[in-house]
Amino acid sequence: MKISQAELDTIQYYDDHAEEFYHSTVNADVTELYQLFIEKLPPGGTILDAGCGSGRDSLYFLKQGFLVTPIDASVAMVEKCSQLTGVQAQQLPFNQVDFDSAFDGIWACASLLHIPRSSIDEILVKFTKAMKPSAFFYSSFKYGDKEEIRKGRLFNSYREDSFQELIAQHKQLELVKIWRTTDVRPRRDDEYWLNALLRKRVDP
């Protein structure tokens, strides 16, 4: 699967703005989201941090005793995550993910939103393959229902109904919870996010 030009431009954006993005996100408090996710996982389980960015989330999971594999398409963000966590992150675009039943959980916080609608199904198939039976998968998107280029980045947003339609095409995935939250970063309380927690079915 070929990466689109819009995705390549988005990766370049993070390479070019890594320092700014790191400082704007590394201290964001998403503890409530963490708790909803990790309570579903076995102690010391394996987590794929898909789109690890600053490394904020990987660091939290590592401190909770989980085995974390951080990946990101941006070389600069891989470096930031590796420096913060002490764990070597992998430079790995989502279209190259090829794990097989490796993870108890996949964490894709504000990362799949950069995958265009023309490719999202293929990425979900890859992520589903990477999950162990009964594994859990968290993802978040900007709240809306459109695909757009905004300041050099591709954004693919969903609402509850459009996301449910997407997941209905993936019979191995069960939608456990879907909910809306406000952005936790300063001066962004008028921005909303769609959050989804999925589980891989044992017998689809």
N, C-alpha and C. Protein backbone atom coordinates (compact mmCIF):
# COMPACT_ATOMS: atom_id res chain seq x y z
N MET A 1 0.84 -1.19 0.00
CA MET A 1 0.00 0.00 0.00
C MET A 1 0.88 1.24 0.00
N LYS A 2 0.67 2.09 -0.99
CA LYS A 2 1.48 3.29 -1.14
C LYS A 2 0.97 4.41 -0.27
N ILE A 3 1.90 5.16 0.34
CA ILE A 3 1.52 6.32 1.13
C ILE A 3 1.20 7.48 0.19
N SER A 4 0.10 8.16 0.45
CA SER A 4 -0.31 9.28 -0.39
C SER A 4 0.59 10.49 -0.15
N GLN A 5 0.55 11.42 -1.08
CA GLN A 5 1.34 12.65 -0.93
C GLN A 5 0.90 13.43 0.30
N ALA A 6 -0.40 13.43 0.59
CA ALA A 6 -0.89 14.14 1.77
C ALA A 6 -0.32 13.55 3.06
N GLU A 7 -0.17 12.21 3.08
CA GLU A 7 0.43 11.56 4.25
C GLU A 7 1.92 11.89 4.35
N LEU A 8 2.60 11.89 3.22
CA LEU A 8 4.02 12.23 3.21
C LEU A 8 4.23 13.67 3.69
N ASP A 9 3.35 14.56 3.27
CA ASP A 9 3.43 15.95 3.72
C ASP A 9 3.19 16.06 5.21
N THR A 10 2.29 15.24 5.73
CA THR A 10 1.99 15.24 7.16
C THR A 10 3.20 14.75 7.96
N ILE A 11 3.83 13.69 7.49
CA ILE A 11 5.04 13.19 8.14
C ILE A 11 6.12 14.27 8.14
N GLN A 12 6.27 14.94 7.00
CA GLN A 12 7.25 16.02 6.90
C GLN A 12 6.95 17.15 7.88
N TYR A 13 5.66 17.43 8.06
CA TYR A 13 5.26 18.46 9.02
C TYR A 13 5.82 18.12 10.41
N TYR A 14 5.66 16.87 10.83
CA TYR A 14 6.14 16.49 12.16
C TYR A 14 7.66 16.49 12.24
N ASP A 15 8.32 16.14 11.15
CA ASP A 15 9.78 16.25 11.13
C ASP A 15 10.22 17.71 11.28
N ASP A 16 9.49 18.60 10.62
CA ASP A 16 9.86 20.01 10.64
C ASP A 16 9.46 20.74 11.92
N HIS A 17 8.42 20.24 12.61
CA HIS A 17 7.88 20.93 13.79
C HIS A 17 7.97 20.06 15.05
N ALA A 18 8.93 19.15 15.08
CA ALA A 18 9.02 18.19 16.18
C ALA A 18 9.17 18.87 17.54
N GLU A 19 10.01 19.87 17.61
CA GLU A 19 10.26 20.54 18.89
C GLU A 19 8.99 21.22 19.39
N GLU A 20 8.34 21.94 18.52
CA GLU A 20 7.10 22.64 18.88
C GLU A 20 6.02 21.64 19.28
N PHE A 21 5.85 20.57 18.51
CA PHE A 21 4.82 19.58 18.81
C PHE A 21 5.12 18.87 20.13
N TYR A 22 6.37 18.54 20.35
CA TYR A 22 6.77 17.89 21.60
C TYR A 22 6.34 18.71 22.81
N HIS A 23 6.70 19.97 22.81
CA HIS A 23 6.40 20.80 23.97
C HIS A 23 4.90 21.09 24.13
N SER A 24 4.15 21.04 23.04
CA SER A 24 2.72 21.32 23.13
C SER A 24 1.91 20.10 23.57
N THR A 25 2.52 18.92 23.55
CA THR A 25 1.75 17.70 23.86
C THR A 25 2.31 16.86 25.00
N VAL A 26 3.59 17.00 25.32
CA VAL A 26 4.23 16.05 26.23
C VAL A 26 3.63 16.08 27.64
N ASN A 27 3.08 17.22 28.03
CA ASN A 27 2.51 17.34 29.38
C ASN A 27 0.99 17.31 29.41
N ALA A 28 0.36 17.03 28.29
CA ALA A 28 -1.11 16.95 28.26
C ALA A 28 -1.57 15.79 29.15
N ASP A 29 -2.54 16.06 30.00
CA ASP A 29 -3.00 15.06 30.98
C ASP A 29 -4.18 14.27 30.42
N VAL A 30 -3.91 13.04 30.01
CA VAL A 30 -4.97 12.16 29.49
C VAL A 30 -5.10 10.91 30.37
N THR A 31 -4.91 11.11 31.67
CA THR A 31 -4.92 10.00 32.62
C THR A 31 -6.22 9.20 32.56
N GLU A 32 -7.35 9.90 32.40
CA GLU A 32 -8.63 9.19 32.35
C GLU A 32 -8.69 8.22 31.17
N LEU A 33 -8.12 8.63 30.04
CA LEU A 33 -8.08 7.74 28.87
C LEU A 33 -7.17 6.55 29.14
N TYR A 34 -6.02 6.81 29.76
CA TYR A 34 -5.12 5.71 30.09
C TYR A 34 -5.83 4.65 30.92
N GLN A 35 -6.53 5.12 31.95
CA GLN A 35 -7.14 4.18 32.89
C GLN A 35 -8.20 3.30 32.21
N LEU A 36 -9.01 3.89 31.34
CA LEU A 36 -10.02 3.12 30.63
C LEU A 36 -9.39 2.03 29.77
N PHE A 37 -8.20 2.31 29.26
CA PHE A 37 -7.49 1.38 28.39
C PHE A 37 -6.77 0.30 29.19
N ILE A 38 -5.94 0.69 30.13
CA ILE A 38 -5.08 -0.30 30.78
C ILE A 38 -5.83 -1.22 31.73
N GLU A 39 -7.00 -0.79 32.20
CA GLU A 39 -7.77 -1.68 33.06
C GLU A 39 -8.26 -2.91 32.31
N LYS A 40 -8.24 -2.85 30.99
CA LYS A 40 -8.66 -3.98 30.17
C LYS A 40 -7.51 -4.95 29.87
N LEU A 41 -6.29 -4.55 30.17
CA LEU A 41 -5.12 -5.32 29.77
C LEU A 41 -4.57 -6.16 30.91
N PRO A 42 -3.90 -7.26 30.61
CA PRO A 42 -3.27 -8.06 31.66
C PRO A 42 -2.07 -7.32 32.23
N PRO A 43 -1.77 -7.46 33.52
CA PRO A 43 -0.59 -6.80 34.10
C PRO A 43 0.67 -7.19 33.33
N GLY A 44 1.49 -6.18 33.02
CA GLY A 44 2.73 -6.46 32.31
C GLY A 44 2.54 -6.83 30.86
N GLY A 45 1.36 -6.57 30.32
CA GLY A 45 1.05 -6.94 28.94
C GLY A 45 1.79 -6.10 27.92
N THR A 46 1.59 -6.45 26.66
CA THR A 46 2.29 -5.79 25.55
C THR A 46 1.39 -4.74 24.90
N ILE A 47 1.96 -3.58 24.62
CA ILE A 47 1.22 -2.47 24.02
C ILE A 47 1.98 -1.95 22.80
N LEU A 48 1.28 -1.76 21.70
CA LEU A 48 1.81 -1.05 20.55
C LEU A 48 1.35 0.40 20.65
N ASP A 49 2.28 1.32 20.82
CA ASP A 49 1.95 2.75 20.82
C ASP A 49 2.08 3.22 19.38
N ALA A 50 0.97 3.24 18.67
CA ALA A 50 0.95 3.49 17.23
C ALA A 50 0.83 4.98 16.95
N GLY A 51 1.93 5.60 16.59
CA GLY A 51 2.00 7.04 16.45
C GLY A 51 2.41 7.64 17.77
N CYS A 52 3.59 7.26 18.24
CA CYS A 52 4.01 7.55 19.62
C CYS A 52 4.30 9.02 19.87
N GLY A 53 4.57 9.80 18.81
CA GLY A 53 4.79 11.23 18.99
C GLY A 53 5.87 11.53 20.00
N SER A 54 5.56 12.36 20.98
CA SER A 54 6.54 12.80 21.98
C SER A 54 7.04 11.67 22.86
N GLY A 55 6.27 10.60 22.95
CA GLY A 55 6.61 9.51 23.87
C GLY A 55 5.88 9.59 25.20
N ARG A 56 5.04 10.60 25.34
CA ARG A 56 4.28 10.81 26.59
C ARG A 56 3.53 9.56 27.02
N ASP A 57 2.79 8.96 26.09
CA ASP A 57 1.95 7.82 26.43
C ASP A 57 2.78 6.56 26.66
N SER A 58 3.80 6.36 25.83
CA SER A 58 4.70 5.22 26.04
C SER A 58 5.33 5.27 27.42
N LEU A 59 5.76 6.45 27.81
CA LEU A 59 6.40 6.60 29.13
C LEU A 59 5.44 6.22 30.24
N TYR A 60 4.20 6.66 30.14
CA TYR A 60 3.21 6.31 31.16
C TYR A 60 3.02 4.81 31.24
N PHE A 61 2.86 4.16 30.11
CA PHE A 61 2.62 2.72 30.10
C PHE A 61 3.83 1.95 30.63
N LEU A 62 5.02 2.42 30.29
CA LEU A 62 6.23 1.78 30.81
C LEU A 62 6.29 1.88 32.32
N LYS A 63 5.91 3.02 32.86
CA LYS A 63 5.92 3.22 34.31
C LYS A 63 4.89 2.34 35.01
N GLN A 64 3.86 1.92 34.27
CA GLN A 64 2.84 1.02 34.82
C GLN A 64 3.24 -0.45 34.66
N GLY A 65 4.41 -0.70 34.12
CA GLY A 65 4.92 -2.06 34.02
C GLY A 65 4.60 -2.79 32.73
N PHE A 66 4.09 -2.08 31.74
CA PHE A 66 3.78 -2.72 30.46
C PHE A 66 5.01 -2.77 29.55
N LEU A 67 4.99 -3.70 28.63
CA LEU A 67 6.03 -3.81 27.61
C LEU A 67 5.55 -3.05 26.38
N VAL A 68 6.22 -1.97 26.04
CA VAL A 68 5.72 -1.04 25.04
C VAL A 68 6.60 -1.04 23.80
N THR A 69 5.96 -1.10 22.63
CA THR A 69 6.64 -0.94 21.35
C THR A 69 6.15 0.37 20.73
N PRO A 70 6.96 1.43 20.80
CA PRO A 70 6.54 2.71 20.22
C PRO A 70 6.94 2.78 18.75
N ILE A 71 6.01 3.23 17.91
CA ILE A 71 6.30 3.42 16.48
C ILE A 71 5.77 4.77 16.03
N ASP A 72 6.44 5.34 15.02
CA ASP A 72 5.97 6.59 14.44
C ASP A 72 6.57 6.70 13.04
N ALA A 73 5.88 7.37 12.15
CA ALA A 73 6.38 7.55 10.78
C ALA A 73 7.42 8.65 10.70
N SER A 74 7.43 9.56 11.67
CA SER A 74 8.34 10.70 11.66
C SER A 74 9.65 10.34 12.36
N VAL A 75 10.75 10.52 11.66
CA VAL A 75 12.07 10.27 12.24
C VAL A 75 12.31 11.16 13.46
N ALA A 76 11.92 12.42 13.34
CA ALA A 76 12.15 13.36 14.43
C ALA A 76 11.35 12.99 15.68
N MET A 77 10.11 12.51 15.49
CA MET A 77 9.31 12.12 16.65
C MET A 77 9.83 10.82 17.26
N VAL A 78 10.35 9.93 16.44
CA VAL A 78 10.98 8.71 16.96
C VAL A 78 12.14 9.08 17.89
N GLU A 79 12.91 10.07 17.48
CA GLU A 79 14.03 10.51 18.31
C GLU A 79 13.54 11.10 19.63
N LYS A 80 12.48 11.91 19.56
CA LYS A 80 11.93 12.53 20.77
C LYS A 80 11.41 11.46 21.73
N CYS A 81 10.67 10.50 21.20
CA CYS A 81 10.12 9.43 22.03
C CYS A 81 11.23 8.60 22.66
N SER A 82 12.23 8.27 21.89
CA SER A 82 13.34 7.45 22.40
C SER A 82 14.08 8.18 23.51
N GLN A 83 14.29 9.48 23.35
CA GLN A 83 14.98 10.27 24.37
C GLN A 83 14.17 10.34 25.66
N LEU A 84 12.86 10.52 25.53
CA LEU A 84 12.01 10.67 26.71
C LEU A 84 11.86 9.36 27.48
N THR A 85 11.71 8.26 26.76
CA THR A 85 11.36 6.99 27.40
C THR A 85 12.55 6.11 27.73
N GLY A 86 13.65 6.29 27.02
CA GLY A 86 14.78 5.38 27.18
C GLY A 86 14.59 4.08 26.44
N VAL A 87 13.50 3.97 25.69
CA VAL A 87 13.22 2.81 24.85
C VAL A 87 13.35 3.24 23.40
N GLN A 88 14.04 2.46 22.58
CA GLN A 88 14.22 2.83 21.19
C GLN A 88 12.93 2.65 20.41
N ALA A 89 12.34 3.76 19.99
CA ALA A 89 11.15 3.70 19.15
C ALA A 89 11.56 3.31 17.73
N GLN A 90 10.56 2.81 16.97
CA GLN A 90 10.81 2.39 15.60
C GLN A 90 10.20 3.39 14.61
N GLN A 91 10.95 3.72 13.58
CA GLN A 91 10.42 4.54 12.50
C GLN A 91 9.66 3.58 11.57
N LEU A 92 8.33 3.59 11.70
CA LEU A 92 7.51 2.58 11.01
C LEU A 92 6.17 3.19 10.63
N PRO A 93 5.97 3.53 9.37
CA PRO A 93 4.65 4.00 8.93
C PRO A 93 3.61 2.91 9.09
N PHE A 94 2.37 3.30 9.27
CA PHE A 94 1.32 2.32 9.52
C PHE A 94 1.15 1.33 8.37
N ASN A 95 1.41 1.77 7.15
CA ASN A 95 1.22 0.86 6.02
C ASN A 95 2.28 -0.24 5.98
N GLN A 96 3.31 -0.13 6.82
CA GLN A 96 4.35 -1.15 6.90
C GLN A 96 4.24 -2.01 8.15
N VAL A 97 3.24 -1.77 8.97
CA VAL A 97 3.04 -2.59 10.17
C VAL A 97 2.76 -4.03 9.76
N ASP A 98 3.47 -4.98 10.36
CA ASP A 98 3.31 -6.38 9.98
C ASP A 98 3.54 -7.30 11.18
N PHE A 99 2.91 -6.97 12.31
CA PHE A 99 2.98 -7.82 13.49
C PHE A 99 1.87 -8.86 13.42
N ASP A 100 2.06 -9.98 14.10
CA ASP A 100 1.07 -11.06 14.08
C ASP A 100 0.76 -11.50 15.50
N SER A 101 -0.45 -11.17 15.99
CA SER A 101 -0.91 -11.57 17.33
C SER A 101 0.13 -11.25 18.40
N ALA A 102 0.66 -10.02 18.35
CA ALA A 102 1.78 -9.65 19.21
C ALA A 102 1.38 -8.81 20.42
N PHE A 103 0.20 -8.17 20.39
CA PHE A 103 -0.09 -7.16 21.40
C PHE A 103 -1.41 -7.42 22.15
N ASP A 104 -1.36 -7.13 23.46
CA ASP A 104 -2.57 -7.17 24.29
C ASP A 104 -3.38 -5.89 24.10
N GLY A 105 -2.71 -4.85 23.63
CA GLY A 105 -3.39 -3.58 23.40
C GLY A 105 -2.69 -2.75 22.34
N ILE A 106 -3.48 -2.02 21.57
CA ILE A 106 -2.94 -1.03 20.64
C ILE A 106 -3.48 0.33 21.05
N TRP A 107 -2.59 1.27 21.19
CA TRP A 107 -2.92 2.64 21.58
C TRP A 107 -2.62 3.55 20.39
N ALA A 108 -3.65 4.14 19.81
CA ALA A 108 -3.49 5.03 18.65
C ALA A 108 -4.16 6.36 18.96
N CYS A 109 -3.52 7.12 19.82
CA CYS A 109 -4.07 8.39 20.29
C CYS A 109 -3.71 9.49 19.30
N ALA A 110 -4.72 10.05 18.64
CA ALA A 110 -4.52 11.17 17.70
C ALA A 110 -3.49 10.84 16.64
N SER A 111 -3.53 9.62 16.12
CA SER A 111 -2.58 9.23 15.08
C SER A 111 -3.28 8.69 13.83
N LEU A 112 -4.26 7.83 14.00
CA LEU A 112 -5.01 7.33 12.84
C LEU A 112 -5.76 8.45 12.12
N LEU A 113 -5.94 9.56 12.79
CA LEU A 113 -6.63 10.69 12.15
C LEU A 113 -5.85 11.25 10.97
N HIS A 114 -4.58 10.84 10.82
CA HIS A 114 -3.79 11.28 9.67
C HIS A 114 -3.81 10.27 8.52
N ILE A 115 -4.62 9.22 8.65
CA ILE A 115 -4.77 8.23 7.59
C ILE A 115 -6.01 8.58 6.76
N PRO A 116 -5.89 8.70 5.44
CA PRO A 116 -7.06 9.07 4.62
C PRO A 116 -8.11 7.96 4.61
N ARG A 117 -9.33 8.32 4.31
CA ARG A 117 -10.42 7.34 4.29
C ARG A 117 -10.20 6.26 3.25
N SER A 118 -9.45 6.57 2.21
CA SER A 118 -9.18 5.58 1.18
C SER A 118 -8.25 4.46 1.67
N SER A 119 -7.55 4.71 2.79
CA SER A 119 -6.57 3.74 3.30
C SER A 119 -6.91 3.18 4.67
N ILE A 120 -7.87 3.79 5.38
CA ILE A 120 -8.10 3.43 6.77
C ILE A 120 -8.48 1.97 6.96
N ASP A 121 -9.25 1.40 6.02
CA ASP A 121 -9.64 -0.01 6.16
C ASP A 121 -8.43 -0.93 6.14
N GLU A 122 -7.50 -0.66 5.25
CA GLU A 122 -6.29 -1.50 5.16
C GLU A 122 -5.45 -1.40 6.42
N ILE A 123 -5.39 -0.22 7.00
CA ILE A 123 -4.63 -0.05 8.24
C ILE A 123 -5.32 -0.78 9.39
N LEU A 124 -6.63 -0.73 9.46
CA LEU A 124 -7.36 -1.44 10.50
C LEU A 124 -7.16 -2.96 10.39
N VAL A 125 -7.08 -3.46 9.17
CA VAL A 125 -6.79 -4.89 8.97
C VAL A 125 -5.41 -5.23 9.53
N LYS A 126 -4.42 -4.39 9.27
CA LYS A 126 -3.07 -4.61 9.78
C LYS A 126 -3.05 -4.57 11.31
N PHE A 127 -3.76 -3.61 11.89
CA PHE A 127 -3.80 -3.50 13.34
C PHE A 127 -4.52 -4.70 13.96
N THR A 128 -5.59 -5.13 13.34
CA THR A 128 -6.32 -6.29 13.86
C THR A 128 -5.43 -7.52 13.86
N LYS A 129 -4.68 -7.72 12.81
CA LYS A 129 -3.74 -8.84 12.74
C LYS A 129 -2.70 -8.76 13.85
N ALA A 130 -2.29 -7.56 14.20
CA ALA A 130 -1.26 -7.37 15.23
C ALA A 130 -1.76 -7.66 16.64
N MET A 131 -3.07 -7.70 16.82
CA MET A 131 -3.66 -7.89 18.14
C MET A 131 -3.82 -9.37 18.49
N LYS A 132 -3.59 -9.69 19.75
CA LYS A 132 -3.91 -11.02 20.25
C LYS A 132 -5.43 -11.17 20.33
N PRO A 133 -5.96 -12.40 20.36
CA PRO A 133 -7.40 -12.57 20.58
C PRO A 133 -7.82 -11.88 21.89
N SER A 134 -8.92 -11.16 21.84
CA SER A 134 -9.47 -10.42 22.98
C SER A 134 -8.65 -9.19 23.36
N ALA A 135 -7.69 -8.81 22.53
CA ALA A 135 -6.91 -7.60 22.79
C ALA A 135 -7.79 -6.36 22.60
N PHE A 136 -7.35 -5.24 23.18
CA PHE A 136 -8.10 -3.99 23.10
C PHE A 136 -7.33 -2.95 22.29
N PHE A 137 -8.08 -2.04 21.70
CA PHE A 137 -7.54 -1.07 20.74
C PHE A 137 -8.23 0.27 21.00
N TYR A 138 -7.44 1.26 21.41
CA TYR A 138 -7.95 2.61 21.62
C TYR A 138 -7.51 3.51 20.47
N SER A 139 -8.42 4.33 19.98
CA SER A 139 -8.07 5.32 18.96
C SER A 139 -8.86 6.59 19.20
N SER A 140 -8.33 7.71 18.70
CA SER A 140 -9.05 8.98 18.83
C SER A 140 -8.87 9.81 17.57
N PHE A 141 -9.92 10.55 17.27
CA PHE A 141 -9.97 11.38 16.06
C PHE A 141 -10.56 12.74 16.42
N LYS A 142 -10.20 13.76 15.68
CA LYS A 142 -10.90 15.02 15.84
C LYS A 142 -12.38 14.80 15.49
N TYR A 143 -13.25 15.44 16.25
CA TYR A 143 -14.68 15.22 16.09
C TYR A 143 -15.20 15.98 14.88
N GLY A 144 -15.80 15.26 13.97
CA GLY A 144 -16.33 15.86 12.76
C GLY A 144 -16.63 14.77 11.75
N ASP A 145 -16.75 15.12 10.52
CA ASP A 145 -17.06 14.10 9.52
C ASP A 145 -16.54 14.52 8.15
N LYS A 146 -15.23 14.78 8.10
CA LYS A 146 -14.65 15.21 6.83
C LYS A 146 -13.16 14.88 6.80
N GLU A 147 -12.64 14.94 5.60
CA GLU A 147 -11.21 14.79 5.38
C GLU A 147 -10.70 16.09 4.80
N GLU A 148 -9.63 16.64 5.39
CA GLU A 148 -9.15 17.94 4.95
C GLU A 148 -7.65 18.08 5.20
N ILE A 149 -7.04 19.01 4.48
CA ILE A 149 -5.67 19.41 4.72
C ILE A 149 -5.71 20.69 5.53
N ARG A 150 -5.07 20.67 6.69
CA ARG A 150 -5.09 21.85 7.55
C ARG A 150 -3.67 22.21 7.95
N LYS A 151 -3.18 23.34 7.48
CA LYS A 151 -1.83 23.82 7.80
C LYS A 151 -0.77 22.75 7.55
N GLY A 152 -0.90 22.09 6.40
CA GLY A 152 0.11 21.13 6.00
C GLY A 152 -0.09 19.71 6.47
N ARG A 153 -1.17 19.45 7.22
CA ARG A 153 -1.43 18.11 7.72
C ARG A 153 -2.79 17.59 7.25
N LEU A 154 -2.83 16.30 6.97
CA LEU A 154 -4.08 15.63 6.62
C LEU A 154 -4.83 15.26 7.89
N PHE A 155 -6.12 15.59 7.95
CA PHE A 155 -6.97 15.18 9.06
C PHE A 155 -8.20 14.45 8.53
N ASN A 156 -8.46 13.30 9.10
CA ASN A 156 -9.64 12.50 8.78
C ASN A 156 -10.46 12.39 10.06
N SER A 157 -11.57 13.09 10.14
CA SER A 157 -12.35 13.15 11.38
C SER A 157 -13.62 12.31 11.27
N TYR A 158 -14.13 11.90 12.44
CA TYR A 158 -15.34 11.07 12.50
C TYR A 158 -16.28 11.56 13.59
N ARG A 159 -17.55 11.26 13.39
CA ARG A 159 -18.55 11.34 14.45
C ARG A 159 -18.95 9.91 14.81
N GLU A 160 -19.82 9.79 15.79
CA GLU A 160 -20.20 8.46 16.25
C GLU A 160 -20.76 7.60 15.12
N ASP A 161 -21.67 8.15 14.32
CA ASP A 161 -22.32 7.33 13.30
C ASP A 161 -21.35 6.91 12.19
N SER A 162 -20.50 7.83 11.73
CA SER A 162 -19.57 7.48 10.65
C SER A 162 -18.50 6.50 11.13
N PHE A 163 -18.09 6.63 12.39
CA PHE A 163 -17.10 5.67 12.90
C PHE A 163 -17.72 4.28 13.07
N GLN A 164 -18.96 4.23 13.53
CA GLN A 164 -19.63 2.95 13.66
C GLN A 164 -19.81 2.27 12.31
N GLU A 165 -20.08 3.06 11.29
CA GLU A 165 -20.19 2.51 9.93
C GLU A 165 -18.85 1.93 9.48
N LEU A 166 -17.77 2.63 9.82
CA LEU A 166 -16.43 2.14 9.47
C LEU A 166 -16.16 0.80 10.16
N ILE A 167 -16.39 0.72 11.45
CA ILE A 167 -16.06 -0.48 12.21
C ILE A 167 -16.98 -1.65 11.84
N ALA A 168 -18.18 -1.35 11.38
CA ALA A 168 -19.11 -2.42 10.98
C ALA A 168 -18.54 -3.26 9.83
N GLN A 169 -17.59 -2.70 9.09
CA GLN A 169 -16.96 -3.43 7.99
C GLN A 169 -15.85 -4.37 8.46
N HIS A 170 -15.53 -4.31 9.75
CA HIS A 170 -14.43 -5.10 10.31
C HIS A 170 -14.99 -6.06 11.36
N LYS A 171 -15.38 -7.22 10.90
CA LYS A 171 -16.12 -8.16 11.74
C LYS A 171 -15.31 -8.69 12.91
N GLN A 172 -13.98 -8.62 12.83
CA GLN A 172 -13.16 -9.09 13.94
C GLN A 172 -13.09 -8.08 15.08
N LEU A 173 -13.57 -6.86 14.84
CA LEU A 173 -13.50 -5.82 15.85
C LEU A 173 -14.89 -5.54 16.44
N GLU A 174 -14.93 -5.47 17.75
CA GLU A 174 -16.16 -5.15 18.47
C GLU A 174 -16.00 -3.77 19.12
N LEU A 175 -16.97 -2.89 18.89
CA LEU A 175 -16.93 -1.57 19.50
C LEU A 175 -17.42 -1.67 20.94
N VAL A 176 -16.52 -1.45 21.88
CA VAL A 176 -16.84 -1.57 23.30
C VAL A 176 -17.41 -0.27 23.85
N LYS A 177 -16.80 0.85 23.45
CA LYS A 177 -17.21 2.15 23.98
C LYS A 177 -16.84 3.22 22.97
N ILE A 178 -17.72 4.20 22.81
CA ILE A 178 -17.43 5.34 21.96
C ILE A 178 -17.93 6.59 22.68
N TRP A 179 -17.06 7.63 22.75
CA TRP A 179 -17.45 8.80 23.53
C TRP A 179 -16.68 10.03 23.05
N ARG A 180 -17.23 11.19 23.42
CA ARG A 180 -16.65 12.46 23.00
C ARG A 180 -16.02 13.15 24.20
N THR A 181 -14.85 13.77 23.97
CA THR A 181 -14.17 14.54 25.02
C THR A 181 -13.73 15.88 24.45
N THR A 182 -13.39 16.81 25.35
CA THR A 182 -12.81 18.08 24.93
C THR A 182 -11.29 17.96 24.94
N ASP A 183 -10.64 18.80 24.19
CA ASP A 183 -9.18 18.82 24.14
C ASP A 183 -8.64 19.28 25.49
N VAL A 184 -7.64 18.56 26.02
CA VAL A 184 -7.12 18.88 27.35
C VAL A 184 -6.02 19.94 27.32
N ARG A 185 -5.58 20.31 26.13
CA ARG A 185 -4.52 21.31 26.04
C ARG A 185 -5.07 22.71 26.32
N PRO A 186 -4.23 23.61 26.83
CA PRO A 186 -4.69 24.96 27.17
C PRO A 186 -5.29 25.68 25.97
N ARG A 187 -6.38 26.41 26.23
CA ARG A 187 -7.05 27.26 25.24
C ARG A 187 -7.62 26.46 24.07
N ARG A 188 -7.94 25.19 24.31
CA ARG A 188 -8.53 24.37 23.25
C ARG A 188 -9.81 23.68 23.74
N ASP A 189 -10.44 24.26 24.75
CA ASP A 189 -11.62 23.60 25.31
C ASP A 189 -12.84 23.70 24.41
N ASP A 190 -12.70 24.36 23.25
CA ASP A 190 -13.78 24.38 22.28
C ASP A 190 -13.56 23.35 21.18
N GLU A 191 -12.51 22.53 21.30
CA GLU A 191 -12.22 21.48 20.33
C GLU A 191 -12.60 20.13 20.93
N TYR A 192 -13.19 19.27 20.10
CA TYR A 192 -13.69 17.98 20.59
C TYR A 192 -13.01 16.82 19.89
N TRP A 193 -12.96 15.70 20.60
CA TRP A 193 -12.36 14.47 20.09
C TRP A 193 -13.34 13.32 20.19
N LEU A 194 -13.31 12.44 19.20
CA LEU A 194 -14.05 11.20 19.25
C LEU A 194 -13.10 10.10 19.70
N ASN A 195 -13.48 9.41 20.78
CA ASN A 195 -12.68 8.33 21.33
C ASN A 195 -13.40 7.01 21.12
N ALA A 196 -12.64 5.97 20.84
CA ALA A 196 -13.25 4.65 20.64
C ALA A 196 -12.37 3.58 21.25
N LEU A 197 -13.02 2.66 21.96
CA LEU A 197 -12.33 1.49 22.51
C LEU A 197 -12.91 0.25 21.83
N LEU A 198 -12.04 -0.52 21.20
CA LEU A 198 -12.44 -1.71 20.44
C LEU A 198 -11.80 -2.95 21.04
N ARG A 199 -12.40 -4.09 20.77
CA ARG A 199 -11.85 -5.37 21.21
C ARG A 199 -11.82 -6.33 20.03
N LYS A 200 -10.76 -7.13 19.95
CA LYS A 200 -10.68 -8.14 18.92
C LYS A 200 -11.48 -9.37 19.35
N ARG A 201 -12.43 -9.76 18.54
CA ARG A 201 -13.26 -10.91 18.87
C ARG A 201 -12.44 -12.19 18.84
N VAL A 202 -12.78 -13.10 19.72
CA VAL A 202 -12.09 -14.40 19.76
C VAL A 202 -12.56 -15.25 18.60
N ASP A 203 -13.88 -15.27 18.37
CA ASP A 203 -14.46 -16.06 17.29
C ASP A 203 -15.33 -15.17 16.40
N PRO A 204 -14.72 -14.47 15.44
CA PRO A 204 -15.49 -13.54 14.61
C PRO A 204 -16.52 -14.27 13.76
